[in-house]
Amino acid sequence: MGLYGEIIFPRLLDWTMAGELFATYRRQVLAQAQGKVLEIGFGTGLNLAYYPEAVTHLTVIEPNRGAGAIARKRLAQSPLPVDSHPIGGEHLPMADASFDTVVSTWTLCSIAAVEQALREVYRVLKPEGRFLFIEHGQSPDPGVRRWQTRLTPVQKIIADGCHLNRPIGKLVAEVFPQVSLQEFYGNGWPQIAGYLYQGQATKPAR
């Protein structure tokens, strides 16, 4: 992974994403989590403080070892029972219909095989389980979208695979038949990285 990917980038990530601009959306999304929860792309563990009492058990995955090392310090202080796995989201070892809720916050931008990861999310959710997410992605504005496309190759290098231009709503809707979605520019965010997709997708009952 190298010095930058394992040491420098995780610390930059933790510093950048710890601010109130992110915290507001974390509170909104995670307030709806309940039961047995899987979080994909746990990062440095910044979501941990926002899980409600309705969550009974948390399983987290994070393939970046440097981010996982920072997260362990937060996990050690958590009152929640947590299982942590140093893996990506494309091939989950969990059984079908294992979780009441799956959470993703600013993660789908950086998973290489994102379509496969979303199929895995669907598989491990229980019937009527919910996928809760807040992501950044492709802007509807042509001018912003052109710059997102131009800069994504650079962004992937400096931000551990992050794409600026993924059509998150379309990707989720291709896997989940029931999706409730809001799209907007984040307050105080640069437009090129600040077009947000916030919502929930529900796995149908059997």
N, C-alpha and C. Protein backbone atom coordinates (compact mmCIF):
# COMPACT_ATOMS: atom_id res chain seq x y z
N MET A 1 0.83 -1.21 0.00
CA MET A 1 0.00 0.00 0.00
C MET A 1 0.86 1.26 0.00
N GLY A 2 2.04 1.18 0.62
CA GLY A 2 2.97 2.29 0.59
C GLY A 2 2.78 3.27 1.74
N LEU A 3 3.81 4.10 1.92
CA LEU A 3 3.81 5.07 3.02
C LEU A 3 2.63 6.03 2.93
N TYR A 4 2.36 6.56 1.75
CA TYR A 4 1.27 7.53 1.63
C TYR A 4 -0.08 6.87 1.93
N GLY A 5 -0.36 5.72 1.30
CA GLY A 5 -1.66 5.09 1.46
C GLY A 5 -1.93 4.57 2.85
N GLU A 6 -0.89 4.13 3.54
CA GLU A 6 -1.09 3.50 4.85
C GLU A 6 -0.85 4.44 6.02
N ILE A 7 -0.03 5.45 5.85
CA ILE A 7 0.32 6.33 6.97
C ILE A 7 -0.24 7.75 6.80
N ILE A 8 0.08 8.38 5.67
CA ILE A 8 -0.27 9.78 5.49
C ILE A 8 -1.76 9.96 5.17
N PHE A 9 -2.26 9.23 4.16
CA PHE A 9 -3.65 9.41 3.75
C PHE A 9 -4.65 9.16 4.88
N PRO A 10 -4.52 8.07 5.67
CA PRO A 10 -5.51 7.87 6.75
C PRO A 10 -5.57 9.03 7.73
N ARG A 11 -4.44 9.66 8.01
CA ARG A 11 -4.45 10.80 8.93
C ARG A 11 -5.08 12.03 8.29
N LEU A 12 -4.82 12.24 7.01
CA LEU A 12 -5.48 13.33 6.30
C LEU A 12 -6.99 13.09 6.25
N LEU A 13 -7.38 11.85 6.00
CA LEU A 13 -8.79 11.49 5.95
C LEU A 13 -9.47 11.78 7.29
N ASP A 14 -8.83 11.36 8.37
CA ASP A 14 -9.41 11.55 9.70
C ASP A 14 -9.56 13.03 10.01
N TRP A 15 -8.56 13.82 9.68
CA TRP A 15 -8.60 15.26 9.95
C TRP A 15 -9.66 15.95 9.09
N THR A 16 -9.72 15.60 7.81
CA THR A 16 -10.65 16.26 6.88
C THR A 16 -12.10 15.94 7.21
N MET A 17 -12.38 14.70 7.56
CA MET A 17 -13.76 14.26 7.69
C MET A 17 -14.31 14.34 9.11
N ALA A 18 -13.55 14.91 10.01
CA ALA A 18 -14.00 15.01 11.40
C ALA A 18 -14.81 16.28 11.68
N GLY A 19 -14.91 17.18 10.71
CA GLY A 19 -15.55 18.46 10.95
C GLY A 19 -17.07 18.41 10.98
N GLU A 20 -17.66 19.54 11.33
CA GLU A 20 -19.11 19.63 11.48
C GLU A 20 -19.83 19.49 10.14
N LEU A 21 -19.18 19.84 9.02
CA LEU A 21 -19.80 19.65 7.72
C LEU A 21 -20.19 18.19 7.50
N PHE A 22 -19.36 17.28 7.97
CA PHE A 22 -19.65 15.85 7.85
C PHE A 22 -20.54 15.37 8.99
N ALA A 23 -20.32 15.90 10.19
CA ALA A 23 -21.05 15.41 11.37
C ALA A 23 -22.56 15.59 11.21
N THR A 24 -22.98 16.69 10.63
CA THR A 24 -24.42 16.94 10.44
C THR A 24 -25.07 15.81 9.66
N TYR A 25 -24.44 15.38 8.59
CA TYR A 25 -25.01 14.32 7.76
C TYR A 25 -24.88 12.95 8.43
N ARG A 26 -23.80 12.73 9.15
CA ARG A 26 -23.67 11.47 9.89
C ARG A 26 -24.84 11.30 10.87
N ARG A 27 -25.16 12.36 11.60
CA ARG A 27 -26.27 12.28 12.56
C ARG A 27 -27.58 11.92 11.86
N GLN A 28 -27.84 12.58 10.75
CA GLN A 28 -29.09 12.34 10.03
C GLN A 28 -29.19 10.90 9.53
N VAL A 29 -28.15 10.41 8.94
CA VAL A 29 -28.17 9.07 8.35
C VAL A 29 -28.20 7.98 9.42
N LEU A 30 -27.32 8.10 10.40
CA LEU A 30 -27.17 7.03 11.39
C LEU A 30 -28.31 6.99 12.39
N ALA A 31 -29.07 8.06 12.53
CA ALA A 31 -30.21 8.06 13.44
C ALA A 31 -31.22 6.97 13.09
N GLN A 32 -31.21 6.53 11.85
CA GLN A 32 -32.17 5.54 11.39
C GLN A 32 -31.67 4.10 11.52
N ALA A 33 -30.43 3.92 11.93
CA ALA A 33 -29.86 2.58 12.04
C ALA A 33 -30.47 1.84 13.23
N GLN A 34 -30.65 0.53 13.08
CA GLN A 34 -31.20 -0.27 14.17
C GLN A 34 -30.79 -1.73 14.02
N GLY A 35 -30.88 -2.44 15.15
CA GLY A 35 -30.62 -3.88 15.15
C GLY A 35 -29.17 -4.22 14.86
N LYS A 36 -28.96 -5.30 14.13
CA LYS A 36 -27.62 -5.71 13.73
C LYS A 36 -27.22 -4.90 12.50
N VAL A 37 -26.08 -4.19 12.61
CA VAL A 37 -25.67 -3.24 11.58
C VAL A 37 -24.32 -3.65 11.00
N LEU A 38 -24.21 -3.53 9.68
CA LEU A 38 -22.93 -3.65 8.99
C LEU A 38 -22.58 -2.30 8.41
N GLU A 39 -21.37 -1.82 8.70
CA GLU A 39 -20.88 -0.60 8.05
C GLU A 39 -19.76 -0.97 7.10
N ILE A 40 -19.93 -0.60 5.83
CA ILE A 40 -18.88 -0.84 4.85
C ILE A 40 -18.05 0.43 4.71
N GLY A 41 -16.72 0.27 4.66
CA GLY A 41 -15.86 1.44 4.60
C GLY A 41 -15.86 2.21 5.91
N PHE A 42 -15.49 1.55 6.98
CA PHE A 42 -15.53 2.14 8.32
C PHE A 42 -14.53 3.28 8.47
N GLY A 43 -13.50 3.31 7.62
CA GLY A 43 -12.51 4.38 7.69
C GLY A 43 -11.81 4.43 9.03
N THR A 44 -11.73 5.62 9.60
CA THR A 44 -11.08 5.80 10.90
C THR A 44 -12.07 5.74 12.07
N GLY A 45 -13.29 5.34 11.79
CA GLY A 45 -14.26 5.12 12.85
C GLY A 45 -15.04 6.34 13.28
N LEU A 46 -15.12 7.35 12.43
CA LEU A 46 -15.80 8.59 12.83
C LEU A 46 -17.30 8.45 13.01
N ASN A 47 -17.90 7.42 12.42
CA ASN A 47 -19.34 7.22 12.60
C ASN A 47 -19.70 6.67 13.98
N LEU A 48 -18.75 6.11 14.65
CA LEU A 48 -19.03 5.35 15.86
C LEU A 48 -19.79 6.17 16.90
N ALA A 49 -19.48 7.43 17.01
CA ALA A 49 -20.11 8.28 18.04
C ALA A 49 -21.57 8.59 17.76
N TYR A 50 -22.06 8.27 16.55
CA TYR A 50 -23.39 8.70 16.16
C TYR A 50 -24.40 7.56 16.06
N TYR A 51 -23.99 6.34 16.38
CA TYR A 51 -24.95 5.24 16.34
C TYR A 51 -25.92 5.33 17.51
N PRO A 52 -27.23 5.16 17.27
CA PRO A 52 -28.22 5.28 18.34
C PRO A 52 -28.32 4.01 19.18
N GLU A 53 -29.07 4.10 20.26
CA GLU A 53 -29.23 2.96 21.16
C GLU A 53 -29.98 1.80 20.50
N ALA A 54 -30.70 2.08 19.42
CA ALA A 54 -31.43 1.01 18.73
C ALA A 54 -30.52 0.01 18.05
N VAL A 55 -29.24 0.34 17.92
CA VAL A 55 -28.27 -0.59 17.35
C VAL A 55 -27.81 -1.55 18.43
N THR A 56 -27.93 -2.85 18.17
CA THR A 56 -27.57 -3.86 19.16
C THR A 56 -26.20 -4.47 18.93
N HIS A 57 -25.75 -4.47 17.68
CA HIS A 57 -24.44 -5.04 17.35
C HIS A 57 -23.96 -4.41 16.06
N LEU A 58 -22.66 -4.13 16.01
CA LEU A 58 -22.07 -3.48 14.84
C LEU A 58 -20.93 -4.33 14.28
N THR A 59 -20.99 -4.57 12.98
CA THR A 59 -19.90 -5.21 12.25
C THR A 59 -19.36 -4.19 11.26
N VAL A 60 -18.04 -4.03 11.22
CA VAL A 60 -17.45 -3.03 10.33
C VAL A 60 -16.38 -3.66 9.47
N ILE A 61 -16.24 -3.14 8.24
CA ILE A 61 -15.17 -3.58 7.35
C ILE A 61 -14.40 -2.37 6.85
N GLU A 62 -13.09 -2.51 6.73
CA GLU A 62 -12.23 -1.43 6.24
C GLU A 62 -10.92 -2.05 5.72
N PRO A 63 -10.66 -1.94 4.40
CA PRO A 63 -9.47 -2.58 3.85
C PRO A 63 -8.17 -1.81 4.07
N ASN A 64 -8.26 -0.50 4.35
CA ASN A 64 -7.05 0.30 4.54
C ASN A 64 -6.51 0.07 5.95
N ARG A 65 -5.33 -0.52 6.03
CA ARG A 65 -4.78 -0.89 7.34
C ARG A 65 -4.46 0.33 8.21
N GLY A 66 -4.02 1.42 7.56
CA GLY A 66 -3.73 2.63 8.33
C GLY A 66 -4.98 3.23 8.95
N ALA A 67 -6.06 3.27 8.17
CA ALA A 67 -7.33 3.76 8.71
C ALA A 67 -7.82 2.85 9.82
N GLY A 68 -7.66 1.53 9.61
CA GLY A 68 -8.09 0.57 10.63
C GLY A 68 -7.34 0.74 11.94
N ALA A 69 -6.07 1.10 11.86
CA ALA A 69 -5.27 1.31 13.08
C ALA A 69 -5.80 2.50 13.88
N ILE A 70 -6.18 3.57 13.19
CA ILE A 70 -6.76 4.73 13.88
C ILE A 70 -8.12 4.36 14.47
N ALA A 71 -8.90 3.61 13.71
CA ALA A 71 -10.24 3.22 14.17
C ALA A 71 -10.19 2.36 15.43
N ARG A 72 -9.17 1.55 15.56
CA ARG A 72 -9.08 0.66 16.73
C ARG A 72 -9.10 1.43 18.05
N LYS A 73 -8.53 2.62 18.05
CA LYS A 73 -8.53 3.42 19.28
C LYS A 73 -9.96 3.83 19.64
N ARG A 74 -10.76 4.16 18.64
CA ARG A 74 -12.17 4.51 18.90
C ARG A 74 -12.97 3.28 19.28
N LEU A 75 -12.70 2.17 18.63
CA LEU A 75 -13.43 0.93 18.92
C LEU A 75 -13.19 0.48 20.36
N ALA A 76 -11.98 0.70 20.86
CA ALA A 76 -11.65 0.28 22.22
C ALA A 76 -12.47 1.02 23.27
N GLN A 77 -13.00 2.19 22.91
CA GLN A 77 -13.78 2.99 23.85
C GLN A 77 -15.28 2.88 23.63
N SER A 78 -15.69 2.05 22.67
CA SER A 78 -17.10 1.98 22.31
C SER A 78 -17.88 1.05 23.24
N PRO A 79 -19.07 1.49 23.70
CA PRO A 79 -19.92 0.60 24.50
C PRO A 79 -20.63 -0.44 23.64
N LEU A 80 -20.64 -0.23 22.33
CA LEU A 80 -21.28 -1.18 21.41
C LEU A 80 -20.42 -2.42 21.22
N PRO A 81 -21.04 -3.60 21.14
CA PRO A 81 -20.27 -4.77 20.70
C PRO A 81 -19.97 -4.64 19.20
N VAL A 82 -18.69 -4.72 18.84
CA VAL A 82 -18.27 -4.49 17.46
C VAL A 82 -17.34 -5.59 17.00
N ASP A 83 -17.60 -6.10 15.79
CA ASP A 83 -16.68 -6.99 15.09
C ASP A 83 -16.07 -6.21 13.95
N SER A 84 -14.75 -6.29 13.80
CA SER A 84 -14.05 -5.54 12.76
C SER A 84 -13.30 -6.49 11.84
N HIS A 85 -13.40 -6.22 10.52
CA HIS A 85 -12.76 -7.07 9.52
C HIS A 85 -11.97 -6.21 8.53
N PRO A 86 -10.68 -6.53 8.29
CA PRO A 86 -9.86 -5.74 7.37
C PRO A 86 -10.06 -6.16 5.91
N ILE A 87 -11.26 -6.00 5.39
CA ILE A 87 -11.60 -6.46 4.05
C ILE A 87 -12.37 -5.38 3.30
N GLY A 88 -12.47 -5.56 1.98
CA GLY A 88 -13.27 -4.67 1.15
C GLY A 88 -14.70 -5.15 1.06
N GLY A 89 -15.52 -4.39 0.33
CA GLY A 89 -16.95 -4.68 0.28
C GLY A 89 -17.38 -5.57 -0.85
N GLU A 90 -16.47 -5.95 -1.75
CA GLU A 90 -16.87 -6.70 -2.94
C GLU A 90 -17.21 -8.16 -2.65
N HIS A 91 -16.58 -8.73 -1.63
CA HIS A 91 -16.82 -10.15 -1.32
C HIS A 91 -16.94 -10.30 0.20
N LEU A 92 -18.16 -10.20 0.69
CA LEU A 92 -18.39 -10.25 2.13
C LEU A 92 -18.51 -11.70 2.60
N PRO A 93 -17.87 -12.05 3.72
CA PRO A 93 -17.95 -13.42 4.22
C PRO A 93 -19.21 -13.69 5.04
N MET A 94 -20.07 -12.70 5.20
CA MET A 94 -21.27 -12.86 6.02
C MET A 94 -22.35 -13.63 5.26
N ALA A 95 -23.20 -14.32 6.01
CA ALA A 95 -24.27 -15.12 5.42
C ALA A 95 -25.36 -14.23 4.84
N ASP A 96 -26.15 -14.80 3.96
CA ASP A 96 -27.32 -14.10 3.43
C ASP A 96 -28.23 -13.65 4.58
N ALA A 97 -28.87 -12.51 4.40
CA ALA A 97 -29.90 -12.02 5.32
C ALA A 97 -29.40 -11.97 6.77
N SER A 98 -28.22 -11.38 6.97
CA SER A 98 -27.60 -11.33 8.30
C SER A 98 -27.87 -10.05 9.07
N PHE A 99 -28.21 -8.96 8.36
CA PHE A 99 -28.23 -7.64 9.00
C PHE A 99 -29.56 -6.92 8.81
N ASP A 100 -29.93 -6.17 9.84
CA ASP A 100 -31.12 -5.31 9.75
C ASP A 100 -30.82 -4.03 8.98
N THR A 101 -29.58 -3.56 9.09
CA THR A 101 -29.18 -2.30 8.49
C THR A 101 -27.77 -2.42 7.94
N VAL A 102 -27.54 -1.84 6.77
CA VAL A 102 -26.18 -1.65 6.26
C VAL A 102 -25.97 -0.16 6.06
N VAL A 103 -24.79 0.33 6.43
CA VAL A 103 -24.47 1.76 6.38
C VAL A 103 -23.27 1.99 5.48
N SER A 104 -23.34 3.04 4.69
CA SER A 104 -22.19 3.49 3.89
C SER A 104 -22.15 5.02 3.90
N THR A 105 -21.05 5.60 4.37
CA THR A 105 -20.89 7.05 4.37
C THR A 105 -19.60 7.40 3.63
N TRP A 106 -19.75 8.05 2.49
CA TRP A 106 -18.62 8.46 1.66
C TRP A 106 -17.66 7.29 1.39
N THR A 107 -18.25 6.19 0.95
CA THR A 107 -17.50 4.96 0.71
C THR A 107 -17.64 4.45 -0.72
N LEU A 108 -18.83 4.56 -1.29
CA LEU A 108 -19.08 3.98 -2.62
C LEU A 108 -18.23 4.64 -3.70
N CYS A 109 -17.71 5.81 -3.43
CA CYS A 109 -16.84 6.50 -4.39
C CYS A 109 -15.53 5.78 -4.61
N SER A 110 -15.11 4.98 -3.63
CA SER A 110 -13.74 4.43 -3.67
C SER A 110 -13.67 2.92 -3.81
N ILE A 111 -14.80 2.22 -3.83
CA ILE A 111 -14.78 0.76 -4.01
C ILE A 111 -14.61 0.47 -5.49
N ALA A 112 -13.59 -0.31 -5.84
CA ALA A 112 -13.27 -0.55 -7.25
C ALA A 112 -14.46 -1.18 -7.98
N ALA A 113 -14.96 -2.30 -7.48
CA ALA A 113 -16.09 -2.99 -8.10
C ALA A 113 -17.36 -2.61 -7.33
N VAL A 114 -17.80 -1.37 -7.51
CA VAL A 114 -18.88 -0.85 -6.68
C VAL A 114 -20.19 -1.58 -6.94
N GLU A 115 -20.44 -1.99 -8.19
CA GLU A 115 -21.69 -2.72 -8.48
C GLU A 115 -21.74 -4.03 -7.72
N GLN A 116 -20.61 -4.74 -7.67
CA GLN A 116 -20.54 -5.99 -6.93
C GLN A 116 -20.73 -5.75 -5.43
N ALA A 117 -20.14 -4.69 -4.92
CA ALA A 117 -20.30 -4.37 -3.50
C ALA A 117 -21.76 -4.10 -3.15
N LEU A 118 -22.47 -3.41 -4.02
CA LEU A 118 -23.89 -3.14 -3.76
C LEU A 118 -24.72 -4.42 -3.82
N ARG A 119 -24.36 -5.33 -4.69
CA ARG A 119 -25.06 -6.62 -4.71
C ARG A 119 -24.81 -7.40 -3.42
N GLU A 120 -23.61 -7.27 -2.88
CA GLU A 120 -23.30 -7.90 -1.60
C GLU A 120 -24.09 -7.27 -0.46
N VAL A 121 -24.22 -5.95 -0.48
CA VAL A 121 -25.05 -5.26 0.51
C VAL A 121 -26.47 -5.81 0.48
N TYR A 122 -27.02 -5.92 -0.71
CA TYR A 122 -28.39 -6.45 -0.86
C TYR A 122 -28.48 -7.88 -0.32
N ARG A 123 -27.49 -8.69 -0.63
CA ARG A 123 -27.51 -10.09 -0.22
C ARG A 123 -27.52 -10.25 1.30
N VAL A 124 -26.69 -9.47 2.01
CA VAL A 124 -26.56 -9.68 3.45
C VAL A 124 -27.66 -9.00 4.25
N LEU A 125 -28.45 -8.15 3.62
CA LEU A 125 -29.58 -7.54 4.32
C LEU A 125 -30.72 -8.53 4.50
N LYS A 126 -31.39 -8.44 5.64
CA LYS A 126 -32.60 -9.21 5.86
C LYS A 126 -33.73 -8.64 5.00
N PRO A 127 -34.74 -9.44 4.68
CA PRO A 127 -35.93 -8.87 4.02
C PRO A 127 -36.48 -7.70 4.85
N GLU A 128 -36.80 -6.62 4.20
CA GLU A 128 -37.23 -5.36 4.79
C GLU A 128 -36.10 -4.62 5.50
N GLY A 129 -34.87 -5.13 5.38
CA GLY A 129 -33.72 -4.40 5.91
C GLY A 129 -33.40 -3.19 5.06
N ARG A 130 -32.67 -2.23 5.64
CA ARG A 130 -32.43 -0.96 4.96
C ARG A 130 -30.94 -0.68 4.78
N PHE A 131 -30.62 -0.15 3.62
CA PHE A 131 -29.29 0.34 3.31
C PHE A 131 -29.33 1.86 3.44
N LEU A 132 -28.61 2.40 4.43
CA LEU A 132 -28.57 3.84 4.69
C LEU A 132 -27.26 4.41 4.17
N PHE A 133 -27.34 5.53 3.45
CA PHE A 133 -26.11 6.03 2.84
C PHE A 133 -26.12 7.55 2.68
N ILE A 134 -24.92 8.10 2.71
CA ILE A 134 -24.63 9.47 2.30
C ILE A 134 -23.34 9.38 1.50
N GLU A 135 -23.37 9.84 0.26
CA GLU A 135 -22.25 9.71 -0.65
C GLU A 135 -22.10 10.99 -1.46
N HIS A 136 -20.91 11.22 -1.99
CA HIS A 136 -20.75 12.29 -2.98
C HIS A 136 -20.60 11.64 -4.35
N GLY A 137 -20.95 12.41 -5.40
CA GLY A 137 -20.85 11.81 -6.72
C GLY A 137 -21.15 12.78 -7.83
N GLN A 138 -21.61 12.22 -8.93
CA GLN A 138 -21.80 12.96 -10.17
C GLN A 138 -22.81 14.09 -10.03
N SER A 139 -22.39 15.28 -10.43
CA SER A 139 -23.27 16.45 -10.41
C SER A 139 -24.17 16.46 -11.64
N PRO A 140 -25.39 17.02 -11.53
CA PRO A 140 -26.24 17.17 -12.70
C PRO A 140 -25.84 18.35 -13.58
N ASP A 141 -24.97 19.23 -13.06
CA ASP A 141 -24.55 20.41 -13.79
C ASP A 141 -23.45 20.05 -14.78
N PRO A 142 -23.64 20.26 -16.08
CA PRO A 142 -22.66 19.81 -17.08
C PRO A 142 -21.26 20.37 -16.86
N GLY A 143 -21.16 21.63 -16.46
CA GLY A 143 -19.85 22.22 -16.24
C GLY A 143 -19.11 21.56 -15.09
N VAL A 144 -19.81 21.36 -13.98
CA VAL A 144 -19.20 20.69 -12.83
C VAL A 144 -18.84 19.25 -13.20
N ARG A 145 -19.74 18.60 -13.91
CA ARG A 145 -19.53 17.19 -14.29
C ARG A 145 -18.28 17.03 -15.17
N ARG A 146 -18.05 17.97 -16.07
CA ARG A 146 -16.85 17.89 -16.91
C ARG A 146 -15.58 17.95 -16.07
N TRP A 147 -15.57 18.84 -15.07
CA TRP A 147 -14.39 18.93 -14.21
C TRP A 147 -14.25 17.70 -13.32
N GLN A 148 -15.37 17.14 -12.89
CA GLN A 148 -15.30 15.90 -12.11
C GLN A 148 -14.64 14.80 -12.92
N THR A 149 -15.00 14.70 -14.19
CA THR A 149 -14.42 13.67 -15.06
C THR A 149 -12.93 13.92 -15.29
N ARG A 150 -12.56 15.18 -15.50
CA ARG A 150 -11.16 15.51 -15.72
C ARG A 150 -10.28 15.20 -14.51
N LEU A 151 -10.83 15.49 -13.33
CA LEU A 151 -10.01 15.39 -12.12
C LEU A 151 -10.07 14.04 -11.43
N THR A 152 -11.01 13.18 -11.82
CA THR A 152 -11.12 11.88 -11.15
C THR A 152 -9.84 11.05 -11.22
N PRO A 153 -9.11 11.00 -12.34
CA PRO A 153 -7.86 10.21 -12.33
C PRO A 153 -6.86 10.68 -11.27
N VAL A 154 -6.79 12.00 -11.05
CA VAL A 154 -5.90 12.52 -10.01
C VAL A 154 -6.47 12.21 -8.62
N GLN A 155 -7.78 12.39 -8.47
CA GLN A 155 -8.44 12.12 -7.19
C GLN A 155 -8.24 10.67 -6.76
N LYS A 156 -8.29 9.75 -7.71
CA LYS A 156 -8.11 8.34 -7.38
C LYS A 156 -6.73 8.07 -6.78
N ILE A 157 -5.74 8.82 -7.24
CA ILE A 157 -4.37 8.63 -6.74
C ILE A 157 -4.22 9.22 -5.33
N ILE A 158 -4.74 10.43 -5.14
CA ILE A 158 -4.49 11.11 -3.85
C ILE A 158 -5.49 10.72 -2.77
N ALA A 159 -6.61 10.09 -3.16
CA ALA A 159 -7.66 9.79 -2.17
C ALA A 159 -8.07 8.32 -2.19
N ASP A 160 -7.09 7.44 -2.37
CA ASP A 160 -7.30 6.00 -2.17
C ASP A 160 -8.43 5.44 -3.04
N GLY A 161 -8.43 5.81 -4.34
CA GLY A 161 -9.41 5.26 -5.26
C GLY A 161 -10.69 6.02 -5.41
N CYS A 162 -10.82 7.18 -4.78
CA CYS A 162 -12.06 7.95 -4.80
C CYS A 162 -12.36 8.50 -6.19
N HIS A 163 -13.60 8.26 -6.65
CA HIS A 163 -14.11 8.83 -7.90
C HIS A 163 -15.00 10.04 -7.58
N LEU A 164 -14.82 11.11 -8.30
CA LEU A 164 -15.67 12.29 -8.12
C LEU A 164 -16.98 12.20 -8.89
N ASN A 165 -17.05 11.30 -9.87
CA ASN A 165 -18.12 11.36 -10.87
C ASN A 165 -19.00 10.12 -10.94
N ARG A 166 -19.15 9.39 -9.87
CA ARG A 166 -20.02 8.22 -9.91
C ARG A 166 -21.48 8.62 -9.74
N PRO A 167 -22.38 8.07 -10.57
CA PRO A 167 -23.81 8.37 -10.45
C PRO A 167 -24.43 7.49 -9.37
N ILE A 168 -24.28 7.88 -8.14
CA ILE A 168 -24.62 7.03 -7.01
C ILE A 168 -26.09 6.60 -7.02
N GLY A 169 -26.99 7.54 -7.29
CA GLY A 169 -28.41 7.19 -7.31
C GLY A 169 -28.71 6.09 -8.30
N LYS A 170 -28.16 6.18 -9.50
CA LYS A 170 -28.36 5.17 -10.53
C LYS A 170 -27.78 3.83 -10.11
N LEU A 171 -26.60 3.84 -9.51
CA LEU A 171 -25.96 2.60 -9.09
C LEU A 171 -26.79 1.87 -8.02
N VAL A 172 -27.29 2.62 -7.05
CA VAL A 172 -28.10 2.00 -5.99
C VAL A 172 -29.42 1.47 -6.57
N ALA A 173 -30.04 2.24 -7.44
CA ALA A 173 -31.33 1.85 -8.02
C ALA A 173 -31.22 0.62 -8.92
N GLU A 174 -30.05 0.35 -9.45
CA GLU A 174 -29.86 -0.84 -10.28
C GLU A 174 -29.88 -2.12 -9.45
N VAL A 175 -29.68 -1.99 -8.14
CA VAL A 175 -29.66 -3.17 -7.26
C VAL A 175 -30.91 -3.23 -6.39
N PHE A 176 -31.36 -2.09 -5.89
CA PHE A 176 -32.51 -2.04 -4.97
C PHE A 176 -33.73 -1.51 -5.71
N PRO A 177 -34.87 -2.23 -5.63
CA PRO A 177 -36.08 -1.75 -6.29
C PRO A 177 -36.77 -0.61 -5.53
N GLN A 178 -36.47 -0.45 -4.24
CA GLN A 178 -37.11 0.59 -3.43
C GLN A 178 -36.04 1.53 -2.88
N VAL A 179 -35.98 2.75 -3.44
CA VAL A 179 -34.96 3.71 -3.03
C VAL A 179 -35.62 5.06 -2.75
N SER A 180 -35.33 5.63 -1.58
CA SER A 180 -35.74 7.00 -1.24
C SER A 180 -34.48 7.85 -1.22
N LEU A 181 -34.43 8.90 -2.04
CA LEU A 181 -33.17 9.59 -2.29
C LEU A 181 -33.35 11.10 -2.33
N GLN A 182 -32.40 11.80 -1.71
CA GLN A 182 -32.28 13.25 -1.85
C GLN A 182 -30.93 13.56 -2.50
N GLU A 183 -30.92 14.50 -3.44
CA GLU A 183 -29.69 14.93 -4.09
C GLU A 183 -29.55 16.44 -3.93
N PHE A 184 -28.34 16.89 -3.56
CA PHE A 184 -28.15 18.32 -3.30
C PHE A 184 -26.66 18.62 -3.15
N TYR A 185 -26.31 19.89 -3.29
CA TYR A 185 -24.95 20.32 -2.98
C TYR A 185 -24.86 20.57 -1.47
N GLY A 186 -23.83 20.02 -0.86
CA GLY A 186 -23.63 20.23 0.56
C GLY A 186 -23.29 21.67 0.88
N ASN A 187 -23.85 22.18 1.96
CA ASN A 187 -23.58 23.56 2.41
C ASN A 187 -22.10 23.73 2.73
N GLY A 188 -21.46 24.68 2.08
CA GLY A 188 -20.06 24.95 2.37
C GLY A 188 -19.09 24.01 1.68
N TRP A 189 -19.59 23.14 0.82
CA TRP A 189 -18.74 22.18 0.12
C TRP A 189 -18.39 22.71 -1.27
N PRO A 190 -17.18 22.43 -1.76
CA PRO A 190 -16.88 22.76 -3.16
C PRO A 190 -17.74 21.89 -4.08
N GLN A 191 -18.29 22.48 -5.12
CA GLN A 191 -19.25 21.75 -5.95
C GLN A 191 -18.65 20.49 -6.57
N ILE A 192 -17.38 20.53 -6.90
CA ILE A 192 -16.79 19.39 -7.59
C ILE A 192 -16.78 18.12 -6.74
N ALA A 193 -16.73 18.29 -5.42
CA ALA A 193 -16.76 17.12 -4.54
C ALA A 193 -17.95 17.14 -3.60
N GLY A 194 -18.87 18.09 -3.81
CA GLY A 194 -19.92 18.32 -2.83
C GLY A 194 -21.32 18.02 -3.28
N TYR A 195 -21.48 17.31 -4.42
CA TYR A 195 -22.84 16.92 -4.80
C TYR A 195 -23.16 15.63 -4.06
N LEU A 196 -24.15 15.68 -3.18
CA LEU A 196 -24.40 14.59 -2.24
C LEU A 196 -25.66 13.81 -2.60
N TYR A 197 -25.59 12.53 -2.33
CA TYR A 197 -26.71 11.60 -2.46
C TYR A 197 -26.98 11.03 -1.07
N GLN A 198 -28.12 11.36 -0.49
CA GLN A 198 -28.46 10.89 0.84
C GLN A 198 -29.78 10.13 0.76
N GLY A 199 -29.80 8.92 1.32
CA GLY A 199 -31.04 8.18 1.22
C GLY A 199 -31.02 6.84 1.89
N GLN A 200 -32.04 6.08 1.58
CA GLN A 200 -32.13 4.72 2.07
C GLN A 200 -32.75 3.85 0.99
N ALA A 201 -32.28 2.62 0.92
CA ALA A 201 -32.82 1.63 0.00
C ALA A 201 -33.27 0.43 0.82
N THR A 202 -34.43 -0.10 0.48
CA THR A 202 -35.03 -1.17 1.28
C THR A 202 -35.09 -2.47 0.47
N LYS A 203 -34.69 -3.54 1.12
CA LYS A 203 -34.82 -4.86 0.50
C LYS A 203 -36.27 -5.34 0.67
N PRO A 204 -36.93 -5.75 -0.39
CA PRO A 204 -38.32 -6.15 -0.26
C PRO A 204 -38.53 -7.34 0.67
N ALA A 205 -39.71 -7.42 1.25
CA ALA A 205 -40.07 -8.60 2.04
C ALA A 205 -40.16 -9.81 1.11
N ARG A 206 -39.98 -10.97 1.68
CA ARG A 206 -40.09 -12.18 0.86
C ARG A 206 -41.49 -12.35 0.36
